[in-house]
Amino acid sequence: MPPSSKESHIRFFGYPQPREAQETPPYTAPPANNPVVRGLPLAIIGFRSLRQIKELENYEPRYDPTVIKLTEDANKDLESETLADRNQPSSNSQHRTAAFYTSLYTSQESTPTKVIEGLLSRVSASKTHSTAFLQIIPEKVLAAAEASTSRYAAGRPLSLLDGVPVAIKDELDLDGYEKSLGSPLDFTRKDGGTSWCVQKWEDAGAIIIGKLNMHELGLDTTNNNPRHGTPLNPHNQHYYTGGSSGGSAYAVASGLIPIAHGADGGGSIRIPASYCGLYGLKPSHGRISISPTLSLASSNGVHGPIASNMQDLELAYRMLATPDPQNPSSSLFTAPPLSSPSISSPTGKKLIGIYKPWFNSADPAVLSACEAALKHYTSPSCGYETVPITLPHLHAGQLAHAMTILSEISGGLPYPPPATLTASNKLLLSVGAQTPANDLLLAQKLRSLLMSHLSHLFRLYPGLLIVTPTTPNAGWRISGGEADLRYGVSDANMSVRSMRFVWLANFTGCPAITVPVGMVDGEGNGPEGEGKVPVGLMAMGEWGDEERLLEWGRCGEEWAWKKGEEKVGKAKGWEDTKKWMGSEEKTNLNGEG
């Protein structure tokens, strides 16, 4: 269906031709036929199954999913709500927000220097906290805090992020810091420098505490990292934080910082955000520049924020997404507004698309929490309507995504893989390096098919948001206990399962957001199953439609804090800034996190 006349003012670069897929085999969950590996090789099979999809003969391969909205949507209201003025939910379980920090400084109740000194002291004194960080350089952090303190004393803060503590996943460059991607390898740039989007946070006055832990090379969704340590889920220490941005999720969920940077090539922002009861945004492919940093997963990976609340998620995103004039895709995107515009669609409807067989493949407890949240979305206070949709070749598409990202990452590393990597990663990289060219081309044809089908849905239902649970499972239990943390583990079945819903946004380049919607009982009857774990709900939008996703996230936040009843409260080990913001303890300056 061609765009309606009301939509004709919107222009795109790279928009796929709307085309409904002809073959839509019924969705069934993929078989769990991969072994759980503890110190043994990992078997990955199934890539050749793409050869059975005859419809791919009618599609050209698409190697880059970047689609750029070149004009602003005229349906956005001129009136907007500033982030600084928006009321936040009131609750004893609320996290400390960026606005909390800036209010401390403007009221002279504290200073950035005092807050950061207390924070560094807390991190260095706690093995649990320090595991979330791979590197902290206290003298650099304190110098930035002192500069911020001076600006507040002069009444000239740079932005709503000035003096706010944040941290960066060890996947980007930060001048003066090393970069390892959570591995024993050295990826530090020889010419130094800072990634563009990180520089935008620094330019806004944010205090970057250091580099955060991640799953080795970002190649799984637990953040199990035998070399650097594994941060445990602050809500339930028998569970992983999720990955690969696990250090980011830990640092926010534990209350150390309100905002963290994450990277997402296969759900690596959204999965840990969901497991840790947080908000996470995976932007449109190509929108956020990381130049001059090179991406190991260039056609799947993006960068974005993880935050404890929607206001901070928006604030962090709007600054990260400042267009980079030197980057060929980022430079074409329109800068996001510094306030929250009111969003409408040409039909006047707010639509949620649900593919029931896929949605319902989640575990019963996850399904129950997500369906309860959907009732809030379709209530008069939010005003969404649900429409049934169909999505083709989901199992094959997930295989195609896995094949593509493994091939991309292995192509950026030596072959054979370095012996110092974990056994499972060495085998994954070997699989990627030996993927037949014909199968890799078929994967890109399937990417083209999926993008065209999504284009068809977005034209059929303008403003559509495709909604699923973020993961079908409620967290990932550390089933092998201390031995798994010490020696590592790779459970291919669980890895594939945890990415069941998230991969589509990466492979097709669409933006997506996860919001927390509840807590459910942990798995098992023993100590490992005690306590509860968070559950997330995810929406995926049309290319360039982050503003619509942020509006959807704000409605979800209303549900999470409705009438003061917290669906997801603070974690058990949550740190309260007010208790140490004026600490006189001296920070260890040996450069260790």
Protein backbone atom coordinates (compact mmCIF):
# COMPACT_ATOMS: atom_id res chain seq x y z
CA MET A 1 0.00 0.00 0.00
CA PRO A 2 1.47 3.37 -0.94
CA PRO A 3 1.85 6.10 1.68
CA SER A 4 -1.32 8.09 2.37
CA SER A 5 -1.48 11.74 1.38
CA LYS A 6 -1.02 12.71 5.02
CA GLU A 7 2.26 10.83 5.03
CA SER A 8 3.59 12.10 1.73
CA HIS A 9 5.60 14.85 3.43
CA ILE A 10 7.82 12.25 5.09
CA ARG A 11 10.87 11.37 3.03
CA PHE A 12 13.28 8.52 3.70
CA PHE A 13 16.68 7.43 2.47
CA GLY A 14 16.97 3.68 1.95
CA TYR A 15 13.34 2.85 2.73
CA PRO A 16 12.56 -0.73 1.65
CA GLN A 17 9.89 -1.33 -0.96
CA PRO A 18 6.67 -2.30 0.88
CA ARG A 19 6.09 -5.92 -0.01
CA GLU A 20 4.19 -8.56 1.93
CA ALA A 21 6.01 -11.86 2.24
CA GLN A 22 4.27 -14.65 0.33
CA GLU A 23 5.44 -17.52 2.51
CA THR A 24 4.40 -17.19 6.16
CA PRO A 25 5.00 -20.55 7.79
CA PRO A 26 3.32 -20.84 11.22
CA TYR A 27 5.62 -19.80 14.04
CA THR A 28 6.93 -22.52 16.32
CA ALA A 29 9.67 -22.10 18.89
CA PRO A 30 13.02 -23.42 17.60
CA PRO A 31 14.10 -26.84 18.87
CA ALA A 32 16.46 -26.93 21.85
CA ASN A 33 19.01 -29.20 20.19
CA ASN A 34 22.27 -27.47 21.12
CA PRO A 35 24.35 -28.85 24.00
CA VAL A 36 25.02 -26.96 27.20
CA VAL A 37 28.79 -26.54 27.14
CA ARG A 38 31.05 -26.35 30.16
CA GLY A 39 34.63 -26.52 28.94
CA LEU A 40 33.66 -28.36 25.74
CA PRO A 41 33.25 -27.18 22.14
CA LEU A 42 29.95 -25.52 21.24
CA ALA A 43 27.89 -26.85 18.33
CA ILE A 44 26.00 -24.38 16.17
CA ILE A 45 23.94 -25.89 13.39
CA GLY A 46 21.15 -24.89 11.08
CA PHE A 47 22.62 -22.10 8.92
CA ARG A 48 22.09 -24.08 5.72
CA SER A 49 18.34 -24.19 6.32
CA LEU A 50 18.04 -20.83 4.52
CA ARG A 51 18.58 -22.71 1.27
CA GLN A 52 15.10 -24.18 1.66
CA ILE A 53 13.33 -20.78 1.44
CA LYS A 54 12.40 -20.56 -2.25
CA GLU A 55 10.95 -17.06 -1.89
CA LEU A 56 14.45 -15.66 -1.44
CA GLU A 57 15.01 -16.06 -5.18
CA ASN A 58 12.85 -12.94 -5.61
CA TYR A 59 14.89 -10.66 -3.33
CA GLU A 60 18.23 -8.94 -3.70
CA PRO A 61 20.56 -9.10 -0.72
CA ARG A 62 20.58 -6.09 1.60
CA TYR A 63 23.85 -5.63 3.47
CA ASP A 64 23.07 -2.46 5.43
CA PRO A 65 19.72 -1.94 7.23
CA THR A 66 20.16 1.84 7.64
CA VAL A 67 16.93 3.71 6.80
CA ILE A 68 16.95 7.46 7.43
CA LYS A 69 13.91 9.68 7.92
CA LEU A 70 14.97 12.86 6.13
CA THR A 71 12.08 15.10 7.19
CA GLU A 72 10.33 15.68 10.46
CA ASP A 73 6.80 14.35 10.90
CA ALA A 74 4.40 17.29 10.56
CA ASN A 75 1.96 15.45 12.83
CA LYS A 76 4.15 16.32 15.82
CA ASP A 77 2.53 18.99 17.95
CA LEU A 78 4.33 22.29 18.17
CA GLU A 79 3.69 22.29 21.90
CA SER A 80 6.11 20.13 23.84
CA GLU A 81 6.98 19.19 27.37
CA THR A 82 10.49 19.92 28.59
CA LEU A 83 12.37 17.13 30.30
CA ALA A 84 13.29 19.46 33.14
CA ASP A 85 9.64 20.25 33.94
CA ARG A 86 8.13 16.78 33.67
CA ASN A 87 6.80 15.34 36.92
CA GLN A 88 8.32 12.05 37.97
CA PRO A 89 6.44 9.25 39.74
CA SER A 90 6.56 9.65 43.52
CA SER A 91 7.59 6.54 45.42
CA ASN A 92 9.90 5.41 48.19
CA SER A 93 11.31 2.88 45.74
CA GLN A 94 12.24 5.38 43.05
CA HIS A 95 15.82 5.52 41.79
CA ARG A 96 17.86 8.71 41.99
CA THR A 97 17.53 10.55 38.68
CA ALA A 98 19.76 12.98 36.83
CA ALA A 99 17.39 15.73 38.00
CA PHE A 100 18.02 14.65 41.58
CA TYR A 101 21.75 15.25 41.15
CA THR A 102 21.37 18.63 39.46
CA SER A 103 18.92 19.75 42.15
CA LEU A 104 21.53 18.91 44.78
CA TYR A 105 24.02 21.12 42.99
CA THR A 106 21.75 24.07 42.22
CA SER A 107 20.44 24.09 45.81
CA GLN A 108 24.05 23.89 47.08
CA GLU A 109 23.09 20.87 49.19
CA SER A 110 26.11 19.15 47.69
CA THR A 111 28.60 19.48 44.84
CA PRO A 112 29.68 17.22 41.98
CA THR A 113 33.05 16.83 43.69
CA LYS A 114 31.51 15.54 46.93
CA VAL A 115 29.15 13.21 45.12
CA ILE A 116 31.87 11.75 42.90
CA GLU A 117 34.31 11.34 45.79
CA GLY A 118 31.67 9.38 47.68
CA LEU A 119 30.82 7.28 44.62
CA LEU A 120 34.44 6.37 43.87
CA SER A 121 34.96 5.45 47.50
CA ARG A 122 31.94 3.15 47.49
CA VAL A 123 32.98 1.41 44.29
CA SER A 124 36.59 0.88 45.33
CA ALA A 125 35.50 -0.51 48.73
CA SER A 126 33.10 -3.08 47.24
CA LYS A 127 34.22 -6.09 45.24
CA THR A 128 30.63 -6.51 44.08
CA HIS A 129 30.46 -2.98 42.72
CA SER A 130 33.98 -2.92 41.32
CA THR A 131 33.29 -6.05 39.25
CA ALA A 132 30.95 -3.94 37.13
CA PHE A 133 33.86 -1.69 36.10
CA LEU A 134 36.87 -2.69 34.02
CA GLN A 135 38.77 0.58 34.50
CA ILE A 136 38.42 3.75 36.51
CA ILE A 137 40.99 6.54 36.46
CA PRO A 138 40.11 8.51 39.62
CA GLU A 139 42.24 11.56 38.86
CA LYS A 140 40.46 12.07 35.51
CA VAL A 141 37.05 11.55 37.09
CA LEU A 142 37.76 13.96 39.96
CA ALA A 143 39.13 16.59 37.59
CA ALA A 144 35.86 16.47 35.62
CA ALA A 145 33.88 16.70 38.87
CA GLU A 146 35.86 19.71 40.04
CA ALA A 147 35.27 21.48 36.72
CA SER A 148 31.53 20.82 37.08
CA THR A 149 31.60 22.10 40.66
CA SER A 150 33.17 25.33 39.43
CA ARG A 151 30.47 25.75 36.79
CA TYR A 152 27.69 25.36 39.34
CA ALA A 153 29.43 27.79 41.69
CA ALA A 154 29.43 30.31 38.85
CA GLY A 155 25.78 29.57 38.02
CA ARG A 156 26.66 28.27 34.54
CA PRO A 157 25.98 24.51 34.29
CA LEU A 158 26.28 23.20 30.75
CA SER A 159 23.13 21.08 30.59
CA LEU A 160 20.75 18.84 32.51
CA LEU A 161 23.58 16.26 32.56
CA ASP A 162 26.22 18.53 34.10
CA GLY A 163 27.71 16.80 37.13
CA VAL A 164 25.65 13.63 36.66
CA PRO A 165 27.67 10.39 37.03
CA VAL A 166 27.48 8.07 34.01
CA ALA A 167 29.67 5.27 32.64
CA ILE A 168 30.59 3.71 29.29
CA LYS A 169 30.54 0.10 28.16
CA ASP A 170 34.04 -1.07 27.21
CA GLU A 171 33.08 -1.15 23.55
CA LEU A 172 33.79 2.50 22.81
CA ASP A 173 36.86 4.71 23.02
CA LEU A 174 37.45 7.08 25.91
CA ASP A 175 40.64 9.12 25.78
CA GLY A 176 43.19 7.90 28.30
CA TYR A 177 41.44 4.57 28.86
CA GLU A 178 42.19 1.11 27.53
CA LYS A 179 39.67 -0.86 25.50
CA SER A 180 39.42 -4.65 25.59
CA LEU A 181 35.75 -5.42 24.79
CA GLY A 182 35.73 -7.44 27.99
CA SER A 183 38.41 -9.76 26.62
CA PRO A 184 42.14 -10.40 27.11
CA LEU A 185 42.78 -8.64 23.77
CA ASP A 186 43.81 -4.99 23.35
CA PHE A 187 41.58 -2.86 21.12
CA THR A 188 42.86 0.48 22.41
CA ARG A 189 43.24 3.09 19.68
CA LYS A 190 46.90 4.00 19.19
CA ASP A 191 45.97 7.60 18.38
CA GLY A 192 43.72 7.99 21.44
CA GLY A 193 40.51 9.91 21.09
CA THR A 194 36.93 9.51 22.27
CA SER A 195 33.94 8.11 20.40
CA TRP A 196 31.62 10.84 19.08
CA CYS A 197 28.57 9.94 21.14
CA VAL A 198 30.62 9.67 24.34
CA GLN A 199 32.12 13.08 23.60
CA LYS A 200 28.58 14.50 23.43
CA TRP A 201 28.00 13.38 27.03
CA GLU A 202 31.30 14.90 28.08
CA ASP A 203 30.46 18.13 26.26
CA ALA A 204 27.23 18.25 28.29
CA GLY A 205 29.22 18.05 31.52
CA ALA A 206 28.42 14.45 32.45
CA ILE A 207 31.02 12.84 34.74
CA ILE A 208 32.17 9.60 33.12
CA ILE A 209 33.13 7.31 36.00
CA GLY A 210 34.91 4.73 33.84
CA LYS A 211 34.64 1.74 31.51
CA LEU A 212 32.04 -0.94 32.27
CA ASN A 213 32.25 -4.72 32.23
CA MET A 214 30.76 -6.66 29.31
CA HIS A 215 30.52 -10.20 28.00
CA GLU A 216 33.76 -11.14 26.24
CA LEU A 217 33.55 -9.56 22.75
CA GLY A 218 29.80 -9.15 23.33
CA LEU A 219 29.22 -12.72 22.14
CA ASP A 220 26.50 -13.87 24.55
CA THR A 221 23.61 -12.59 26.63
CA THR A 222 24.68 -13.44 30.22
CA ASN A 223 27.76 -11.25 30.85
CA ASN A 224 29.44 -14.34 32.30
CA ASN A 225 33.08 -13.21 32.18
CA PRO A 226 35.59 -15.55 33.88
CA ARG A 227 38.54 -13.24 33.16
CA HIS A 228 37.22 -9.93 34.51
CA GLY A 229 34.50 -11.19 36.83
CA THR A 230 30.74 -11.45 36.40
CA PRO A 231 28.46 -8.74 37.82
CA LEU A 232 25.47 -10.38 39.51
CA ASN A 233 21.89 -9.24 39.11
CA PRO A 234 21.22 -6.66 41.86
CA HIS A 235 17.62 -7.92 42.16
CA ASN A 236 18.61 -11.55 42.64
CA GLN A 237 22.25 -12.64 42.89
CA HIS A 238 21.43 -16.14 41.74
CA TYR A 239 20.78 -14.62 38.29
CA TYR A 240 22.89 -12.97 35.60
CA THR A 241 22.50 -9.30 34.77
CA GLY A 242 22.14 -10.23 31.12
CA GLY A 243 24.50 -9.09 28.45
CA SER A 244 26.46 -8.13 26.77
CA SER A 245 25.96 -4.73 28.48
CA GLY A 246 25.80 -6.36 31.91
CA GLY A 247 28.11 -3.93 33.66
CA SER A 248 25.93 -1.08 32.44
CA ALA A 249 22.74 -2.65 33.78
CA TYR A 250 24.37 -3.51 37.10
CA ALA A 251 25.70 0.01 37.67
CA VAL A 252 22.25 1.56 37.06
CA ALA A 253 20.14 -1.06 38.86
CA SER A 254 22.40 -0.94 41.94
CA GLY A 255 21.94 2.85 42.18
CA LEU A 256 25.57 3.77 41.50
CA ILE A 257 24.65 5.87 38.45
CA PRO A 258 21.33 6.88 36.86
CA ILE A 259 22.43 6.41 33.23
CA ALA A 260 24.85 4.12 31.39
CA HIS A 261 25.90 3.62 27.79
CA GLY A 262 25.22 0.25 26.21
CA ALA A 263 25.70 -1.41 22.83
CA ASP A 264 23.19 -3.68 21.12
CA GLY A 265 24.01 -6.11 18.30
CA GLY A 266 21.54 -8.81 19.37
CA GLY A 267 19.59 -7.38 22.29
CA SER A 268 22.60 -6.37 24.37
CA ILE A 269 20.93 -3.18 25.66
CA ARG A 270 17.40 -4.55 25.96
CA ILE A 271 18.13 -7.95 27.53
CA PRO A 272 20.16 -6.66 30.51
CA ALA A 273 17.73 -3.75 30.93
CA SER A 274 14.87 -6.25 31.10
CA TYR A 275 16.66 -8.63 33.46
CA CYS A 276 17.55 -5.75 35.81
CA GLY A 277 14.23 -3.89 35.78
CA LEU A 278 15.42 -0.91 33.73
CA TYR A 279 14.61 1.10 30.60
CA GLY A 280 16.72 0.54 27.48
CA LEU A 281 16.61 2.08 24.01
CA LYS A 282 18.08 0.52 20.87
CA PRO A 283 18.04 3.41 18.32
CA SER A 284 17.60 3.15 14.56
CA HIS A 285 20.61 1.69 12.82
CA GLY A 286 23.11 4.39 11.86
CA ARG A 287 21.56 7.17 13.94
CA ILE A 288 24.19 7.33 16.70
CA SER A 289 27.78 7.85 15.59
CA ILE A 290 30.69 6.16 17.35
CA SER A 291 33.36 7.62 15.03
CA PRO A 292 36.30 7.20 14.95
CA THR A 293 35.64 3.87 16.67
CA LEU A 294 35.17 0.90 14.35
CA SER A 295 32.27 -1.50 14.91
CA LEU A 296 32.90 -5.24 14.87
CA ALA A 297 29.23 -5.79 13.99
CA SER A 298 28.64 -2.99 11.55
CA SER A 299 25.31 -4.13 10.06
CA ASN A 300 23.71 -5.20 13.35
CA GLY A 301 25.22 -3.21 16.19
CA VAL A 302 24.06 0.15 17.54
CA HIS A 303 24.68 2.18 20.70
CA GLY A 304 22.22 3.67 23.13
CA PRO A 305 21.30 4.34 26.77
CA ILE A 306 20.17 2.28 29.75
CA ALA A 307 18.47 4.22 32.54
CA SER A 308 16.39 3.78 35.68
CA ASN A 309 13.56 5.99 34.37
CA MET A 310 12.18 7.37 31.14
CA GLN A 311 13.22 10.99 31.68
CA ASP A 312 16.88 9.99 31.95
CA LEU A 313 16.59 7.56 29.04
CA GLU A 314 15.30 10.39 26.84
CA LEU A 315 17.87 12.89 28.05
CA ALA A 316 20.74 10.47 27.46
CA TYR A 317 19.47 9.46 24.03
CA ARG A 318 18.91 13.01 22.78
CA MET A 319 22.53 13.89 23.52
CA LEU A 320 24.02 10.63 22.22
CA ALA A 321 22.08 11.10 18.96
CA THR A 322 23.57 14.48 18.09
CA PRO A 323 24.32 14.12 14.33
CA ASP A 324 28.00 13.70 13.47
CA PRO A 325 28.80 15.78 10.37
CA GLN A 326 31.72 13.49 9.54
CA ASN A 327 29.70 10.27 9.69
CA PRO A 328 27.93 9.28 6.45
CA SER A 329 24.73 7.99 8.09
CA SER A 330 24.54 9.95 11.35
CA SER A 331 24.97 13.24 9.47
CA LEU A 332 21.74 12.61 7.52
CA PHE A 333 19.55 12.10 10.57
CA THR A 334 17.66 15.06 12.00
CA ALA A 335 18.85 15.98 15.49
CA PRO A 336 16.33 14.74 18.07
CA PRO A 337 14.42 17.53 19.81
CA LEU A 338 15.57 18.57 23.28
CA SER A 339 11.99 18.25 24.49
CA SER A 340 9.25 15.67 24.13
CA PRO A 341 6.90 16.40 21.22
CA SER A 342 3.35 15.13 21.20
CA ILE A 343 3.06 12.35 18.62
CA SER A 344 0.10 11.45 16.42
CA SER A 345 -0.43 9.25 13.38
CA PRO A 346 -2.20 10.03 10.09
CA THR A 347 -5.13 7.87 11.23
CA GLY A 348 -5.27 9.42 14.69
CA LYS A 349 -4.86 5.94 16.18
CA LYS A 350 -2.11 4.57 18.42
CA LEU A 351 -1.58 1.03 17.24
CA ILE A 352 0.12 -1.97 18.81
CA GLY A 353 0.76 -4.90 16.47
CA ILE A 354 0.92 -8.38 18.01
CA TYR A 355 1.84 -11.61 16.29
CA LYS A 356 0.09 -13.92 18.73
CA PRO A 357 1.95 -17.21 18.12
CA TRP A 358 5.28 -15.42 18.65
CA PHE A 359 4.11 -13.33 21.63
CA ASN A 360 2.54 -16.36 23.33
CA SER A 361 5.74 -18.42 23.11
CA ALA A 362 6.97 -16.69 26.28
CA ASP A 363 6.94 -18.49 29.62
CA PRO A 364 3.59 -18.31 31.47
CA ALA A 365 4.85 -15.96 34.22
CA VAL A 366 6.37 -13.57 31.64
CA LEU A 367 3.22 -13.72 29.53
CA SER A 368 1.04 -12.91 32.53
CA ALA A 369 3.07 -9.80 33.44
CA CYS A 370 3.17 -8.57 29.84
CA GLU A 371 -0.54 -9.12 29.25
CA ALA A 372 -1.36 -7.16 32.42
CA ALA A 373 0.73 -4.26 31.13
CA LEU A 374 -1.00 -4.45 27.74
CA LYS A 375 -4.34 -3.89 29.49
CA HIS A 376 -2.92 -0.62 30.78
CA TYR A 377 -1.77 0.34 27.29
CA THR A 378 -5.23 -0.29 25.84
CA SER A 379 -6.98 1.54 28.69
CA PRO A 380 -8.32 5.09 28.18
CA SER A 381 -5.32 6.57 30.02
CA CYS A 382 -2.96 5.38 27.25
CA GLY A 383 -5.39 4.88 24.37
CA TYR A 384 -3.63 2.20 22.30
CA GLU A 385 -5.45 -0.28 20.08
CA THR A 386 -4.12 -3.73 19.21
CA VAL A 387 -4.12 -5.15 15.69
CA PRO A 388 -3.18 -8.70 14.67
CA ILE A 389 -0.15 -8.98 12.41
CA THR A 390 1.90 -11.77 10.86
CA LEU A 391 5.68 -11.94 10.68
CA PRO A 392 7.33 -14.44 8.30
CA HIS A 393 10.35 -16.73 8.67
CA LEU A 394 11.15 -15.79 12.27
CA HIS A 395 13.16 -18.90 13.11
CA ALA A 396 15.11 -18.65 9.85
CA GLY A 397 15.54 -14.92 10.40
CA GLN A 398 17.09 -15.47 13.80
CA LEU A 399 19.54 -17.93 12.25
CA ALA A 400 20.34 -15.39 9.52
CA HIS A 401 21.01 -12.72 12.14
CA ALA A 402 23.30 -15.06 14.10
CA MET A 403 25.17 -16.05 10.94
CA THR A 404 25.65 -12.42 9.94
CA ILE A 405 26.85 -11.04 13.26
CA LEU A 406 29.21 -13.97 13.87
CA SER A 407 30.70 -13.51 10.40
CA GLU A 408 31.11 -9.76 10.97
CA ILE A 409 32.82 -10.12 14.35
CA SER A 410 35.09 -12.96 13.24
CA GLY A 411 36.08 -10.88 10.21
CA GLY A 412 37.46 -8.21 12.51
CA LEU A 413 39.67 -10.59 14.49
CA PRO A 414 42.68 -12.79 13.70
CA TYR A 415 42.11 -16.31 12.45
CA PRO A 416 42.38 -18.74 14.06
CA PRO A 417 40.90 -16.99 17.12
CA PRO A 418 43.44 -16.09 19.81
CA ALA A 419 44.02 -18.89 22.32
CA THR A 420 43.38 -16.55 25.25
CA LEU A 421 39.66 -16.26 24.46
CA THR A 422 37.09 -18.48 26.15
CA ALA A 423 36.55 -21.88 24.55
CA SER A 424 33.00 -21.10 23.51
CA ASN A 425 34.01 -17.82 21.86
CA LYS A 426 36.84 -19.46 19.96
CA LEU A 427 34.38 -21.91 18.48
CA LEU A 428 31.76 -19.24 17.75
CA LEU A 429 34.35 -17.16 15.92
CA SER A 430 35.50 -20.23 13.98
CA VAL A 431 31.91 -20.85 12.90
CA GLY A 432 31.63 -17.24 11.76
CA ALA A 433 34.91 -17.37 9.88
CA GLN A 434 33.91 -20.51 8.00
CA THR A 435 30.36 -19.56 7.08
CA PRO A 436 29.86 -20.38 3.37
CA ALA A 437 29.56 -17.25 1.24
CA ASN A 438 26.38 -18.55 -0.39
CA ASP A 439 24.65 -18.91 2.98
CA LEU A 440 25.79 -15.46 4.07
CA LEU A 441 24.30 -13.99 0.88
CA LEU A 442 21.03 -15.82 1.51
CA ALA A 443 20.96 -14.31 4.99
CA GLN A 444 21.11 -10.83 3.45
CA LYS A 445 18.30 -11.75 1.06
CA LEU A 446 16.24 -12.77 4.07
CA ARG A 447 17.09 -9.44 5.70
CA SER A 448 15.70 -7.72 2.59
CA LEU A 449 12.53 -9.82 2.72
CA LEU A 450 11.95 -9.03 6.40
CA MET A 451 12.54 -5.30 5.92
CA SER A 452 10.11 -5.21 2.99
CA HIS A 453 7.49 -7.04 5.01
CA LEU A 454 7.91 -4.61 7.90
CA SER A 455 7.63 -1.73 5.44
CA HIS A 456 4.35 -3.24 4.25
CA LEU A 457 3.06 -3.36 7.85
CA PHE A 458 4.15 0.20 8.62
CA ARG A 459 2.37 1.46 5.51
CA LEU A 460 -0.73 -0.60 6.25
CA TYR A 461 -0.83 0.60 9.87
CA PRO A 462 0.85 4.04 10.13
CA GLY A 463 2.52 4.58 13.49
CA LEU A 464 2.48 0.85 14.26
CA LEU A 465 4.52 -0.44 17.21
CA ILE A 466 5.24 -4.18 17.19
CA VAL A 467 5.07 -5.40 20.81
CA THR A 468 6.46 -8.55 22.43
CA PRO A 469 7.95 -9.55 25.75
CA THR A 470 11.59 -8.46 25.77
CA THR A 471 12.66 -12.04 26.47
CA PRO A 472 10.51 -15.17 26.69
CA ASN A 473 12.21 -16.07 29.98
CA ALA A 474 12.28 -14.26 33.31
CA GLY A 475 16.01 -13.75 33.76
CA TRP A 476 18.80 -16.28 33.38
CA ARG A 477 19.64 -18.31 36.46
CA ILE A 478 23.30 -19.13 37.19
CA SER A 479 22.53 -22.83 37.09
CA GLY A 480 26.09 -24.06 37.62
CA GLY A 481 26.75 -21.78 40.57
CA GLU A 482 30.28 -20.66 41.42
CA ALA A 483 31.86 -23.09 38.93
CA ASP A 484 30.10 -21.38 36.02
CA LEU A 485 31.30 -17.97 37.21
CA ARG A 486 34.89 -19.20 37.58
CA TYR A 487 35.25 -21.24 34.41
CA GLY A 488 32.52 -19.95 32.13
CA VAL A 489 29.55 -21.62 30.50
CA SER A 490 27.83 -21.48 27.13
CA ASP A 491 24.24 -22.66 26.83
CA ALA A 492 23.36 -22.22 23.17
CA ASN A 493 19.72 -23.15 23.72
CA MET A 494 19.26 -20.45 26.34
CA SER A 495 21.24 -17.91 24.29
CA VAL A 496 19.01 -18.44 21.26
CA ARG A 497 15.92 -18.39 23.48
CA SER A 498 16.85 -15.15 25.21
CA MET A 499 17.20 -13.44 21.81
CA ARG A 500 13.91 -14.79 20.44
CA PHE A 501 12.26 -11.36 20.23
CA VAL A 502 15.15 -8.89 20.20
CA TRP A 503 17.12 -9.94 17.10
CA LEU A 504 14.57 -8.61 14.60
CA ALA A 505 15.25 -4.95 15.43
CA ASN A 506 19.00 -5.49 14.98
CA PHE A 507 18.76 -7.36 11.71
CA THR A 508 16.28 -4.92 10.12
CA GLY A 509 17.67 -1.70 11.69
CA CYS A 510 14.42 -0.68 13.42
CA PRO A 511 14.46 1.15 16.78
CA ALA A 512 13.16 -0.65 19.87
CA ILE A 513 12.63 0.04 23.57
CA THR A 514 12.15 -2.12 26.66
CA VAL A 515 10.27 -1.10 29.80
CA PRO A 516 9.95 -3.00 33.10
CA VAL A 517 6.43 -4.32 33.77
CA GLY A 518 6.68 -6.64 36.76
CA MET A 519 8.52 -9.05 39.02
CA VAL A 520 7.98 -12.81 38.92
CA ASP A 521 9.20 -15.72 41.03
CA GLY A 522 12.65 -17.03 40.24
CA GLU A 523 13.17 -20.39 38.62
CA GLY A 524 13.63 -23.55 40.72
CA ASN A 525 12.81 -24.65 44.25
CA GLY A 526 16.25 -24.42 45.86
CA PRO A 527 18.27 -21.37 46.95
CA GLU A 528 18.96 -20.51 43.30
CA GLY A 529 15.25 -19.94 42.77
CA GLU A 530 14.59 -17.77 45.81
CA GLY A 531 13.43 -14.23 45.29
CA LYS A 532 11.98 -12.53 42.26
CA VAL A 533 13.34 -11.29 38.94
CA PRO A 534 12.14 -8.44 36.68
CA VAL A 535 10.23 -8.82 33.40
CA GLY A 536 10.34 -6.40 30.47
CA LEU A 537 7.96 -5.53 27.62
CA MET A 538 9.39 -4.38 24.28
CA ALA A 539 8.11 -2.27 21.40
CA MET A 540 9.73 -1.98 17.96
CA GLY A 541 8.89 0.96 15.70
CA GLU A 542 9.40 2.14 12.15
CA TRP A 543 12.83 3.40 11.16
CA GLY A 544 13.46 6.83 12.69
CA ASP A 545 10.43 6.59 14.99
CA GLU A 546 12.24 6.87 18.33
CA GLU A 547 9.88 9.62 19.51
CA ARG A 548 6.89 7.30 19.21
CA LEU A 549 8.77 4.66 21.19
CA LEU A 550 9.65 7.17 23.91
CA GLU A 551 5.98 8.13 24.19
CA TRP A 552 5.15 4.42 24.52
CA GLY A 553 7.84 4.10 27.21
CA ARG A 554 6.36 6.95 29.21
CA CYS A 555 3.01 5.18 29.23
CA GLY A 556 4.77 2.04 30.43
CA GLU A 557 6.41 4.00 33.20
CA GLU A 558 2.95 5.10 34.36
CA TRP A 559 2.07 1.42 34.65
CA ALA A 560 5.26 0.59 36.54
CA TRP A 561 4.50 3.26 39.17
CA LYS A 562 0.70 3.38 38.98
CA LYS A 563 -0.86 4.82 42.15
CA GLY A 564 2.44 4.44 43.98
CA GLU A 565 2.35 0.66 43.61
CA GLU A 566 5.74 -0.29 42.21
CA LYS A 567 5.68 -3.12 39.69
CA VAL A 568 9.49 -3.16 39.79
CA GLY A 569 11.11 -1.59 42.84
CA LYS A 570 14.72 -0.93 43.70
CA ALA A 571 17.15 -3.84 43.93
CA LYS A 572 18.04 -5.34 47.30
CA GLY A 573 21.56 -3.92 47.29
CA TRP A 574 20.57 -0.49 45.97
CA GLU A 575 22.92 2.34 46.94
CA ASP A 576 21.40 5.66 48.03
CA THR A 577 23.45 8.61 46.84
CA LYS A 578 22.28 10.75 49.76
CA LYS A 579 24.03 8.47 52.23
CA TRP A 580 27.49 9.03 50.79
CA MET A 581 27.28 12.16 48.68
CA GLY A 582 29.21 14.17 51.27
CA SER A 583 31.60 11.40 52.27
CA GLU A 584 35.00 12.63 53.34
CA GLU A 585 36.58 9.22 52.68
CA LYS A 586 39.52 9.51 50.30
CA THR A 587 39.38 7.58 47.08
CA ASN A 588 42.07 5.07 46.19
CA LEU A 589 43.99 6.76 43.35
CA ASN A 590 45.81 3.72 42.02
CA GLY A 591 43.65 3.63 38.90
CA GLU A 592 41.89 0.38 39.80
CA GLY A 593 38.14 0.12 39.63
